[in-house]
Amino acid sequence: MEVDEPRMTSEQIADLARRVRQPIALVGMMGVGKSSVGRKLAHALRLPFVDADEAIEQAAKMTIAEIFATYGEAYFRDGERRVIARLIEQDHDGRPYVIATGGGAFVNPETRRLILDRAIAVWLDSDVDTLVERVGRKDTRPLLRGGDPREILARLHAERAPCYAEAPIKVTSHNGPHSRTLDQVLKGIAAWL
């Protein structure tokens, strides 16, 4: 039987929120829960949240799938790097952002170095079965088109894991409530600061 560790108290979370002085960047595979956990993390710490993919779409006035189809992945990654750099460098009324990055963002050496140097990097990891179940709910993932999603996700996970492993904080996202993952992220950040 699995026993959960005690959750952080509201006082501990408030203390952590006062100590966070730099952006928090969630990195990891598509479908791992970066956006969902990121929103909850931002709410818990009373920080602004931004999904880098949504910021890219707003800046380009195109969906990510359209950007991939029209300009290719290299063009998208360059735009992604610039958007993440802007989000890391700016703040929102003096408060740093919680940023959900795209699955491939941290693989880019420039983006990874920027995040590691200027933000708190948190790797959300998950097993391939969980990722397949989660991304199967959407058909908006350009990298999953033209092949078996399980095979593609397994390959991408194997290729990207060494990059993700450079993040100082790693949390495994299970197929349970995101509140459990959130608590582990909060504890990881508290231990790192």
N, C-alpha and C. Protein backbone atom coordinates (compact mmCIF):
# COMPACT_ATOMS: atom_id res chain seq x y z
N MET A 1 0.84 -1.19 0.00
CA MET A 1 0.00 0.00 0.00
C MET A 1 0.89 1.25 0.00
N GLU A 2 0.54 2.18 -0.86
CA GLU A 2 1.32 3.42 -0.96
C GLU A 2 0.79 4.43 0.05
N VAL A 3 1.70 5.00 0.80
CA VAL A 3 1.33 6.01 1.79
C VAL A 3 1.89 7.35 1.32
N ASP A 4 1.02 8.33 1.19
CA ASP A 4 1.46 9.66 0.78
C ASP A 4 2.19 10.35 1.93
N GLU A 5 3.24 11.07 1.56
CA GLU A 5 3.91 11.91 2.55
C GLU A 5 2.96 13.05 2.91
N PRO A 6 3.15 13.63 4.09
CA PRO A 6 2.29 14.76 4.45
C PRO A 6 2.43 15.90 3.44
N ARG A 7 1.32 16.52 3.13
CA ARG A 7 1.34 17.65 2.19
C ARG A 7 1.89 18.89 2.90
N MET A 8 2.36 19.83 2.07
CA MET A 8 2.84 21.09 2.63
C MET A 8 1.65 21.86 3.20
N THR A 9 1.87 22.53 4.30
CA THR A 9 0.81 23.34 4.91
C THR A 9 0.70 24.67 4.16
N SER A 10 -0.39 25.37 4.37
CA SER A 10 -0.56 26.68 3.73
C SER A 10 0.51 27.66 4.20
N GLU A 11 0.95 27.52 5.45
CA GLU A 11 2.02 28.39 5.96
C GLU A 11 3.34 28.09 5.25
N GLN A 12 3.63 26.82 5.03
CA GLN A 12 4.86 26.44 4.32
C GLN A 12 4.83 26.94 2.88
N ILE A 13 3.66 26.85 2.24
CA ILE A 13 3.53 27.32 0.86
C ILE A 13 3.69 28.83 0.80
N ALA A 14 3.09 29.55 1.76
CA ALA A 14 3.22 31.01 1.80
C ALA A 14 4.68 31.41 2.00
N ASP A 15 5.39 30.69 2.87
CA ASP A 15 6.82 30.96 3.08
C ASP A 15 7.60 30.70 1.79
N LEU A 16 7.29 29.63 1.10
CA LEU A 16 7.96 29.32 -0.16
C LEU A 16 7.69 30.41 -1.19
N ALA A 17 6.44 30.87 -1.26
CA ALA A 17 6.08 31.93 -2.23
C ALA A 17 6.92 33.18 -2.00
N ARG A 18 7.19 33.51 -0.75
CA ARG A 18 8.02 34.69 -0.44
C ARG A 18 9.47 34.49 -0.88
N ARG A 19 9.92 33.25 -0.91
CA ARG A 19 11.32 32.96 -1.26
C ARG A 19 11.57 32.84 -2.76
N VAL A 20 10.53 32.62 -3.54
CA VAL A 20 10.70 32.47 -4.99
C VAL A 20 10.95 33.84 -5.60
N ARG A 21 12.13 34.01 -6.19
CA ARG A 21 12.53 35.30 -6.78
C ARG A 21 12.80 35.20 -8.28
N GLN A 22 12.77 34.00 -8.82
CA GLN A 22 13.05 33.83 -10.24
C GLN A 22 11.95 32.99 -10.87
N PRO A 23 11.84 33.03 -12.19
CA PRO A 23 10.79 32.25 -12.85
C PRO A 23 10.95 30.76 -12.55
N ILE A 24 9.85 30.05 -12.62
CA ILE A 24 9.85 28.60 -12.49
C ILE A 24 9.46 28.05 -13.86
N ALA A 25 10.34 27.24 -14.44
CA ALA A 25 10.08 26.66 -15.77
C ALA A 25 9.85 25.17 -15.63
N LEU A 26 8.66 24.73 -16.03
CA LEU A 26 8.35 23.31 -16.03
C LEU A 26 8.75 22.74 -17.39
N VAL A 27 9.58 21.70 -17.37
CA VAL A 27 10.05 21.07 -18.59
C VAL A 27 9.66 19.60 -18.57
N GLY A 28 9.60 19.00 -19.75
CA GLY A 28 9.27 17.59 -19.84
C GLY A 28 8.48 17.29 -21.10
N MET A 29 8.15 16.05 -21.27
CA MET A 29 7.47 15.56 -22.47
C MET A 29 6.07 16.14 -22.62
N MET A 30 5.60 16.16 -23.86
CA MET A 30 4.21 16.53 -24.10
C MET A 30 3.31 15.56 -23.35
N GLY A 31 2.26 16.08 -22.76
CA GLY A 31 1.30 15.24 -22.06
C GLY A 31 1.65 14.93 -20.62
N VAL A 32 2.78 15.43 -20.14
CA VAL A 32 3.19 15.12 -18.77
C VAL A 32 2.42 15.94 -17.74
N GLY A 33 1.80 17.04 -18.18
CA GLY A 33 1.00 17.85 -17.26
C GLY A 33 1.61 19.19 -16.91
N LYS A 34 2.53 19.67 -17.74
CA LYS A 34 3.20 20.94 -17.44
C LYS A 34 2.21 22.10 -17.33
N SER A 35 1.25 22.16 -18.24
CA SER A 35 0.28 23.26 -18.20
C SER A 35 -0.67 23.12 -17.01
N SER A 36 -1.20 21.94 -16.80
CA SER A 36 -2.14 21.73 -15.69
C SER A 36 -1.47 21.95 -14.34
N VAL A 37 -0.31 21.33 -14.15
CA VAL A 37 0.41 21.49 -12.89
C VAL A 37 0.91 22.93 -12.76
N GLY A 38 1.35 23.52 -13.87
CA GLY A 38 1.83 24.90 -13.85
C GLY A 38 0.77 25.88 -13.38
N ARG A 39 -0.45 25.71 -13.86
CA ARG A 39 -1.54 26.60 -13.42
C ARG A 39 -1.78 26.45 -11.92
N LYS A 40 -1.78 25.21 -11.44
CA LYS A 40 -1.99 24.97 -10.01
C LYS A 40 -0.82 25.52 -9.18
N LEU A 41 0.39 25.36 -9.70
CA LEU A 41 1.57 25.87 -9.01
C LEU A 41 1.53 27.39 -8.91
N ALA A 42 1.20 28.03 -10.01
CA ALA A 42 1.10 29.50 -10.02
C ALA A 42 0.04 29.97 -9.03
N HIS A 43 -1.09 29.28 -9.00
CA HIS A 43 -2.16 29.65 -8.06
C HIS A 43 -1.67 29.48 -6.62
N ALA A 44 -1.02 28.36 -6.33
CA ALA A 44 -0.56 28.10 -4.96
C ALA A 44 0.45 29.14 -4.50
N LEU A 45 1.33 29.56 -5.42
CA LEU A 45 2.38 30.52 -5.06
C LEU A 45 1.98 31.97 -5.33
N ARG A 46 0.76 32.16 -5.83
CA ARG A 46 0.26 33.49 -6.18
C ARG A 46 1.19 34.20 -7.18
N LEU A 47 1.56 33.44 -8.20
CA LEU A 47 2.41 33.95 -9.27
C LEU A 47 1.65 33.88 -10.59
N PRO A 48 2.01 34.71 -11.56
CA PRO A 48 1.36 34.63 -12.86
C PRO A 48 1.83 33.38 -13.61
N PHE A 49 0.94 32.83 -14.41
CA PHE A 49 1.24 31.63 -15.20
C PHE A 49 1.20 31.96 -16.68
N VAL A 50 2.10 31.35 -17.43
CA VAL A 50 2.03 31.45 -18.89
C VAL A 50 2.43 30.11 -19.50
N ASP A 51 1.65 29.70 -20.48
CA ASP A 51 1.95 28.51 -21.27
C ASP A 51 2.73 29.00 -22.48
N ALA A 52 3.98 28.59 -22.62
CA ALA A 52 4.83 29.08 -23.71
C ALA A 52 4.23 28.76 -25.07
N ASP A 53 3.60 27.59 -25.22
CA ASP A 53 2.98 27.25 -26.50
C ASP A 53 1.87 28.24 -26.85
N GLU A 54 1.06 28.61 -25.86
CA GLU A 54 -0.01 29.58 -26.11
C GLU A 54 0.58 30.95 -26.45
N ALA A 55 1.67 31.33 -25.78
CA ALA A 55 2.31 32.62 -26.07
C ALA A 55 2.88 32.64 -27.49
N ILE A 56 3.41 31.51 -27.93
CA ILE A 56 3.93 31.40 -29.29
C ILE A 56 2.79 31.53 -30.29
N GLU A 57 1.69 30.84 -30.03
CA GLU A 57 0.54 30.92 -30.94
C GLU A 57 0.00 32.34 -31.02
N GLN A 58 -0.06 33.03 -29.89
CA GLN A 58 -0.55 34.42 -29.90
C GLN A 58 0.39 35.32 -30.69
N ALA A 59 1.70 35.14 -30.49
CA ALA A 59 2.67 35.98 -31.20
C ALA A 59 2.64 35.72 -32.71
N ALA A 60 2.49 34.45 -33.09
CA ALA A 60 2.50 34.09 -34.51
C ALA A 60 1.14 34.21 -35.17
N LYS A 61 0.09 34.30 -34.35
CA LYS A 61 -1.29 34.30 -34.85
C LYS A 61 -1.56 33.04 -35.68
N MET A 62 -0.95 31.94 -35.25
CA MET A 62 -1.11 30.63 -35.88
C MET A 62 -1.03 29.57 -34.78
N THR A 63 -1.63 28.41 -35.04
CA THR A 63 -1.46 27.31 -34.10
C THR A 63 -0.07 26.71 -34.29
N ILE A 64 0.36 25.95 -33.31
CA ILE A 64 1.66 25.30 -33.44
C ILE A 64 1.66 24.34 -34.62
N ALA A 65 0.56 23.62 -34.80
CA ALA A 65 0.47 22.71 -35.95
C ALA A 65 0.62 23.47 -37.26
N GLU A 66 0.01 24.65 -37.34
CA GLU A 66 0.13 25.47 -38.56
C GLU A 66 1.56 25.97 -38.75
N ILE A 67 2.22 26.35 -37.66
CA ILE A 67 3.61 26.80 -37.75
C ILE A 67 4.49 25.67 -38.27
N PHE A 68 4.32 24.47 -37.69
CA PHE A 68 5.09 23.31 -38.14
C PHE A 68 4.84 23.04 -39.62
N ALA A 69 3.57 23.05 -40.02
CA ALA A 69 3.21 22.73 -41.41
C ALA A 69 3.73 23.78 -42.39
N THR A 70 3.68 25.04 -42.00
CA THR A 70 4.06 26.13 -42.91
C THR A 70 5.56 26.38 -42.93
N TYR A 71 6.19 26.38 -41.76
CA TYR A 71 7.59 26.80 -41.67
C TYR A 71 8.56 25.71 -41.21
N GLY A 72 8.04 24.65 -40.62
CA GLY A 72 8.91 23.56 -40.15
C GLY A 72 9.28 23.68 -38.68
N GLU A 73 9.84 22.59 -38.17
CA GLU A 73 10.17 22.53 -36.75
C GLU A 73 11.29 23.49 -36.36
N ALA A 74 12.31 23.65 -37.21
CA ALA A 74 13.44 24.53 -36.86
C ALA A 74 12.97 25.97 -36.64
N TYR A 75 12.07 26.43 -37.50
CA TYR A 75 11.52 27.78 -37.38
C TYR A 75 10.75 27.90 -36.06
N PHE A 76 9.93 26.88 -35.77
CA PHE A 76 9.16 26.88 -34.53
C PHE A 76 10.08 26.94 -33.32
N ARG A 77 11.14 26.11 -33.30
CA ARG A 77 12.05 26.06 -32.15
C ARG A 77 12.75 27.40 -31.93
N ASP A 78 13.08 28.10 -33.02
CA ASP A 78 13.71 29.41 -32.89
C ASP A 78 12.74 30.40 -32.25
N GLY A 79 11.49 30.39 -32.70
CA GLY A 79 10.48 31.26 -32.10
C GLY A 79 10.22 30.91 -30.65
N GLU A 80 10.19 29.61 -30.37
CA GLU A 80 9.99 29.14 -29.01
C GLU A 80 11.10 29.65 -28.09
N ARG A 81 12.34 29.58 -28.56
CA ARG A 81 13.48 30.05 -27.77
C ARG A 81 13.34 31.53 -27.46
N ARG A 82 12.94 32.32 -28.45
CA ARG A 82 12.80 33.76 -28.25
C ARG A 82 11.68 34.08 -27.26
N VAL A 83 10.56 33.38 -27.38
CA VAL A 83 9.43 33.62 -26.47
C VAL A 83 9.80 33.25 -25.04
N ILE A 84 10.44 32.11 -24.85
CA ILE A 84 10.83 31.70 -23.50
C ILE A 84 11.85 32.68 -22.92
N ALA A 85 12.78 33.14 -23.73
CA ALA A 85 13.76 34.14 -23.26
C ALA A 85 13.05 35.40 -22.79
N ARG A 86 12.07 35.84 -23.55
CA ARG A 86 11.31 37.04 -23.16
C ARG A 86 10.58 36.81 -21.84
N LEU A 87 9.95 35.65 -21.69
CA LEU A 87 9.20 35.36 -20.47
C LEU A 87 10.11 35.26 -19.25
N ILE A 88 11.30 34.74 -19.44
CA ILE A 88 12.24 34.62 -18.33
C ILE A 88 12.78 36.00 -17.93
N GLU A 89 13.02 36.84 -18.91
CA GLU A 89 13.61 38.15 -18.65
C GLU A 89 12.62 39.15 -18.07
N GLN A 90 11.35 38.99 -18.36
CA GLN A 90 10.37 39.96 -17.86
C GLN A 90 9.66 39.38 -16.65
N ASP A 91 8.94 40.24 -15.97
CA ASP A 91 8.12 39.78 -14.86
C ASP A 91 6.74 40.40 -15.00
N HIS A 92 5.87 40.07 -14.08
CA HIS A 92 4.50 40.58 -14.09
C HIS A 92 4.30 41.33 -12.79
N ASP A 93 4.36 42.65 -12.85
CA ASP A 93 4.23 43.48 -11.65
C ASP A 93 5.22 43.05 -10.56
N GLY A 94 6.45 42.77 -10.97
CA GLY A 94 7.49 42.41 -10.02
C GLY A 94 7.50 40.96 -9.59
N ARG A 95 6.59 40.17 -10.13
CA ARG A 95 6.53 38.76 -9.76
C ARG A 95 6.97 37.90 -10.94
N PRO A 96 7.82 36.89 -10.70
CA PRO A 96 8.26 36.03 -11.79
C PRO A 96 7.13 35.11 -12.26
N TYR A 97 7.25 34.67 -13.49
CA TYR A 97 6.26 33.76 -14.06
C TYR A 97 6.52 32.31 -13.67
N VAL A 98 5.45 31.53 -13.66
CA VAL A 98 5.53 30.08 -13.76
C VAL A 98 5.30 29.80 -15.24
N ILE A 99 6.26 29.14 -15.88
CA ILE A 99 6.21 28.92 -17.32
C ILE A 99 6.11 27.43 -17.62
N ALA A 100 5.08 27.05 -18.37
CA ALA A 100 4.99 25.69 -18.90
C ALA A 100 5.63 25.74 -20.28
N THR A 101 6.77 25.07 -20.44
CA THR A 101 7.46 25.08 -21.72
C THR A 101 6.92 23.98 -22.62
N GLY A 102 7.20 24.09 -23.90
CA GLY A 102 6.86 23.03 -24.83
C GLY A 102 7.77 21.83 -24.60
N GLY A 103 7.33 20.67 -25.03
CA GLY A 103 8.08 19.43 -24.79
C GLY A 103 9.49 19.43 -25.32
N GLY A 104 9.73 20.12 -26.44
CA GLY A 104 11.06 20.13 -27.03
C GLY A 104 11.91 21.33 -26.67
N ALA A 105 11.35 22.26 -25.91
CA ALA A 105 12.06 23.51 -25.62
C ALA A 105 13.39 23.27 -24.91
N PHE A 106 13.40 22.42 -23.92
CA PHE A 106 14.59 22.21 -23.08
C PHE A 106 15.67 21.42 -23.82
N VAL A 107 15.31 20.85 -24.96
CA VAL A 107 16.28 20.11 -25.77
C VAL A 107 17.20 21.09 -26.51
N ASN A 108 16.69 22.27 -26.82
CA ASN A 108 17.49 23.30 -27.48
C ASN A 108 18.57 23.78 -26.51
N PRO A 109 19.85 23.64 -26.86
CA PRO A 109 20.92 24.00 -25.92
C PRO A 109 20.84 25.45 -25.41
N GLU A 110 20.50 26.39 -26.29
CA GLU A 110 20.41 27.80 -25.86
C GLU A 110 19.27 28.00 -24.87
N THR A 111 18.12 27.41 -25.18
CA THR A 111 16.96 27.53 -24.29
C THR A 111 17.25 26.86 -22.95
N ARG A 112 17.85 25.67 -23.01
CA ARG A 112 18.17 24.94 -21.78
C ARG A 112 19.13 25.75 -20.91
N ARG A 113 20.18 26.32 -21.50
CA ARG A 113 21.15 27.11 -20.74
C ARG A 113 20.48 28.32 -20.10
N LEU A 114 19.62 29.00 -20.86
CA LEU A 114 18.90 30.16 -20.34
C LEU A 114 18.04 29.77 -19.14
N ILE A 115 17.29 28.68 -19.28
CA ILE A 115 16.43 28.23 -18.18
C ILE A 115 17.27 27.84 -16.97
N LEU A 116 18.33 27.08 -17.18
CA LEU A 116 19.17 26.65 -16.06
C LEU A 116 19.85 27.82 -15.36
N ASP A 117 20.23 28.84 -16.14
CA ASP A 117 20.92 30.00 -15.56
C ASP A 117 19.98 31.00 -14.89
N ARG A 118 18.76 31.14 -15.40
CA ARG A 118 17.90 32.25 -14.98
C ARG A 118 16.59 31.84 -14.32
N ALA A 119 16.29 30.54 -14.27
CA ALA A 119 15.00 30.10 -13.74
C ALA A 119 15.21 28.89 -12.83
N ILE A 120 14.14 28.50 -12.19
CA ILE A 120 14.11 27.25 -11.43
C ILE A 120 13.52 26.21 -12.37
N ALA A 121 14.34 25.27 -12.81
CA ALA A 121 13.89 24.26 -13.78
C ALA A 121 13.38 23.03 -13.05
N VAL A 122 12.15 22.64 -13.39
CA VAL A 122 11.53 21.46 -12.79
C VAL A 122 11.16 20.50 -13.91
N TRP A 123 11.75 19.31 -13.89
CA TRP A 123 11.44 18.27 -14.87
C TRP A 123 10.27 17.45 -14.37
N LEU A 124 9.16 17.54 -15.07
CA LEU A 124 8.03 16.65 -14.82
C LEU A 124 8.21 15.45 -15.74
N ASP A 125 8.31 14.28 -15.16
CA ASP A 125 8.53 13.05 -15.93
C ASP A 125 7.32 12.14 -15.75
N SER A 126 7.16 11.22 -16.67
CA SER A 126 6.07 10.26 -16.60
C SER A 126 6.43 9.06 -17.45
N ASP A 127 5.79 7.94 -17.18
CA ASP A 127 6.03 6.77 -18.02
C ASP A 127 5.30 6.94 -19.36
N VAL A 128 5.75 6.21 -20.36
CA VAL A 128 5.22 6.35 -21.71
C VAL A 128 3.73 6.00 -21.77
N ASP A 129 3.28 4.99 -21.02
CA ASP A 129 1.86 4.63 -21.05
C ASP A 129 0.98 5.79 -20.62
N THR A 130 1.39 6.49 -19.57
CA THR A 130 0.62 7.65 -19.10
C THR A 130 0.62 8.75 -20.16
N LEU A 131 1.77 8.98 -20.78
CA LEU A 131 1.86 10.00 -21.83
C LEU A 131 0.94 9.66 -23.00
N VAL A 132 0.94 8.40 -23.42
CA VAL A 132 0.10 7.97 -24.54
C VAL A 132 -1.37 8.20 -24.21
N GLU A 133 -1.76 7.85 -22.99
CA GLU A 133 -3.16 8.05 -22.59
C GLU A 133 -3.53 9.53 -22.61
N ARG A 134 -2.65 10.36 -22.11
CA ARG A 134 -2.95 11.80 -22.03
C ARG A 134 -2.94 12.48 -23.40
N VAL A 135 -1.95 12.22 -24.23
CA VAL A 135 -1.90 12.91 -25.52
C VAL A 135 -2.91 12.34 -26.50
N GLY A 136 -3.42 11.16 -26.23
CA GLY A 136 -4.45 10.58 -27.09
C GLY A 136 -5.75 11.36 -27.05
N ARG A 137 -5.89 12.22 -26.06
CA ARG A 137 -7.09 13.04 -25.93
C ARG A 137 -7.10 14.21 -26.90
N LYS A 138 -5.94 14.52 -27.50
CA LYS A 138 -5.84 15.67 -28.42
C LYS A 138 -5.21 15.20 -29.73
N ASP A 139 -5.59 15.84 -30.82
CA ASP A 139 -4.95 15.54 -32.10
C ASP A 139 -4.17 16.75 -32.60
N THR A 140 -3.69 17.57 -31.68
CA THR A 140 -3.02 18.82 -32.05
C THR A 140 -1.50 18.73 -31.92
N ARG A 141 -0.96 17.53 -31.80
CA ARG A 141 0.48 17.37 -31.57
C ARG A 141 1.19 17.05 -32.89
N PRO A 142 1.86 18.04 -33.49
CA PRO A 142 2.48 17.82 -34.80
C PRO A 142 3.49 16.68 -34.83
N LEU A 143 4.24 16.48 -33.75
CA LEU A 143 5.27 15.45 -33.75
C LEU A 143 4.69 14.04 -33.70
N LEU A 144 3.40 13.91 -33.39
CA LEU A 144 2.79 12.58 -33.30
C LEU A 144 2.08 12.18 -34.58
N ARG A 145 2.05 13.07 -35.54
CA ARG A 145 1.39 12.75 -36.81
C ARG A 145 2.30 11.87 -37.65
N GLY A 146 1.70 10.94 -38.35
CA GLY A 146 2.48 10.11 -39.27
C GLY A 146 3.20 8.96 -38.62
N GLY A 147 2.66 8.45 -37.55
CA GLY A 147 3.30 7.30 -36.90
C GLY A 147 2.52 6.84 -35.69
N ASP A 148 3.01 5.78 -35.09
CA ASP A 148 2.39 5.24 -33.88
C ASP A 148 2.77 6.11 -32.68
N PRO A 149 1.78 6.73 -32.02
CA PRO A 149 2.10 7.63 -30.90
C PRO A 149 2.96 6.99 -29.82
N ARG A 150 2.71 5.72 -29.50
CA ARG A 150 3.49 5.06 -28.45
C ARG A 150 4.97 4.98 -28.86
N GLU A 151 5.22 4.56 -30.10
CA GLU A 151 6.60 4.45 -30.58
C GLU A 151 7.28 5.82 -30.61
N ILE A 152 6.56 6.82 -31.10
CA ILE A 152 7.13 8.17 -31.20
C ILE A 152 7.43 8.71 -29.81
N LEU A 153 6.48 8.55 -28.88
CA LEU A 153 6.69 9.06 -27.52
C LEU A 153 7.84 8.34 -26.82
N ALA A 154 7.93 7.03 -27.01
CA ALA A 154 9.02 6.27 -26.40
C ALA A 154 10.37 6.73 -26.96
N ARG A 155 10.44 6.96 -28.27
CA ARG A 155 11.68 7.43 -28.88
C ARG A 155 12.05 8.83 -28.39
N LEU A 156 11.05 9.74 -28.40
CA LEU A 156 11.31 11.10 -27.95
C LEU A 156 11.74 11.13 -26.48
N HIS A 157 11.08 10.31 -25.66
CA HIS A 157 11.42 10.27 -24.24
C HIS A 157 12.87 9.82 -24.06
N ALA A 158 13.26 8.77 -24.78
CA ALA A 158 14.63 8.27 -24.68
C ALA A 158 15.64 9.31 -25.17
N GLU A 159 15.32 10.01 -26.25
CA GLU A 159 16.22 11.02 -26.79
C GLU A 159 16.34 12.24 -25.88
N ARG A 160 15.23 12.64 -25.30
CA ARG A 160 15.20 13.90 -24.55
C ARG A 160 15.56 13.76 -23.07
N ALA A 161 15.42 12.57 -22.52
CA ALA A 161 15.65 12.38 -21.07
C ALA A 161 17.01 12.91 -20.61
N PRO A 162 18.10 12.70 -21.36
CA PRO A 162 19.38 13.25 -20.88
C PRO A 162 19.37 14.78 -20.76
N CYS A 163 18.65 15.45 -21.63
CA CYS A 163 18.53 16.91 -21.53
C CYS A 163 17.68 17.28 -20.32
N TYR A 164 16.50 16.65 -20.21
CA TYR A 164 15.62 16.95 -19.08
C TYR A 164 16.33 16.70 -17.75
N ALA A 165 17.20 15.68 -17.72
CA ALA A 165 17.88 15.31 -16.47
C ALA A 165 18.81 16.41 -15.96
N GLU A 166 19.10 17.41 -16.79
CA GLU A 166 19.92 18.53 -16.33
C GLU A 166 19.15 19.45 -15.39
N ALA A 167 17.83 19.35 -15.39
CA ALA A 167 17.02 20.17 -14.46
C ALA A 167 17.34 19.72 -13.04
N PRO A 168 17.51 20.66 -12.12
CA PRO A 168 17.88 20.30 -10.76
C PRO A 168 16.76 19.64 -9.95
N ILE A 169 15.53 19.78 -10.41
CA ILE A 169 14.39 19.22 -9.68
C ILE A 169 13.66 18.27 -10.62
N LYS A 170 13.42 17.05 -10.17
CA LYS A 170 12.67 16.08 -10.96
C LYS A 170 11.50 15.57 -10.14
N VAL A 171 10.32 15.58 -10.76
CA VAL A 171 9.11 15.07 -10.12
C VAL A 171 8.43 14.14 -11.11
N THR A 172 8.02 12.97 -10.63
CA THR A 172 7.31 12.03 -11.49
C THR A 172 5.81 12.30 -11.39
N SER A 173 5.21 12.50 -12.55
CA SER A 173 3.76 12.74 -12.65
C SER A 173 3.08 11.42 -12.94
N HIS A 174 2.24 10.99 -12.01
CA HIS A 174 1.54 9.72 -12.16
C HIS A 174 0.14 9.97 -12.71
N ASN A 175 -0.57 8.89 -12.92
CA ASN A 175 -1.92 8.98 -13.45
C ASN A 175 -2.93 9.27 -12.35
N GLY A 176 -2.55 10.02 -11.37
CA GLY A 176 -3.45 10.39 -10.30
C GLY A 176 -3.77 11.86 -10.38
N PRO A 177 -4.33 12.41 -9.33
CA PRO A 177 -4.67 13.83 -9.34
C PRO A 177 -3.41 14.70 -9.42
N HIS A 178 -3.53 15.80 -10.16
CA HIS A 178 -2.40 16.71 -10.30
C HIS A 178 -2.02 17.34 -8.96
N SER A 179 -2.93 17.33 -7.98
CA SER A 179 -2.61 17.91 -6.68
C SER A 179 -1.45 17.16 -6.02
N ARG A 180 -1.34 15.87 -6.26
CA ARG A 180 -0.24 15.09 -5.71
C ARG A 180 1.09 15.51 -6.37
N THR A 181 1.05 15.68 -7.69
CA THR A 181 2.24 16.15 -8.41
C THR A 181 2.61 17.55 -7.95
N LEU A 182 1.61 18.41 -7.81
CA LEU A 182 1.84 19.78 -7.35
C LEU A 182 2.57 19.78 -6.02
N ASP A 183 2.13 18.96 -5.09
CA ASP A 183 2.76 18.93 -3.77
C ASP A 183 4.23 18.52 -3.88
N GLN A 184 4.52 17.56 -4.75
CA GLN A 184 5.90 17.13 -4.94
C GLN A 184 6.75 18.23 -5.58
N VAL A 185 6.15 18.99 -6.51
CA VAL A 185 6.86 20.12 -7.12
C VAL A 185 7.17 21.17 -6.06
N LEU A 186 6.18 21.51 -5.24
CA LEU A 186 6.39 22.50 -4.18
C LEU A 186 7.51 22.06 -3.24
N LYS A 187 7.50 20.80 -2.85
CA LYS A 187 8.55 20.28 -1.96
C LYS A 187 9.91 20.31 -2.64
N GLY A 188 9.93 19.99 -3.93
CA GLY A 188 11.20 20.02 -4.66
C GLY A 188 11.78 21.42 -4.74
N ILE A 189 10.92 22.40 -5.02
CA ILE A 189 11.38 23.79 -5.08
C ILE A 189 11.85 24.25 -3.70
N ALA A 190 11.09 23.92 -2.66
CA ALA A 190 11.47 24.32 -1.30
C ALA A 190 12.83 23.75 -0.92
N ALA A 191 13.08 22.51 -1.28
CA ALA A 191 14.36 21.88 -0.95
C ALA A 191 15.50 22.49 -1.76
N TRP A 192 15.21 22.92 -2.99
CA TRP A 192 16.24 23.47 -3.88
C TRP A 192 16.64 24.88 -3.48
N LEU A 193 15.66 25.68 -2.99
CA LEU A 193 15.96 27.09 -2.67
C LEU A 193 16.85 27.23 -1.45
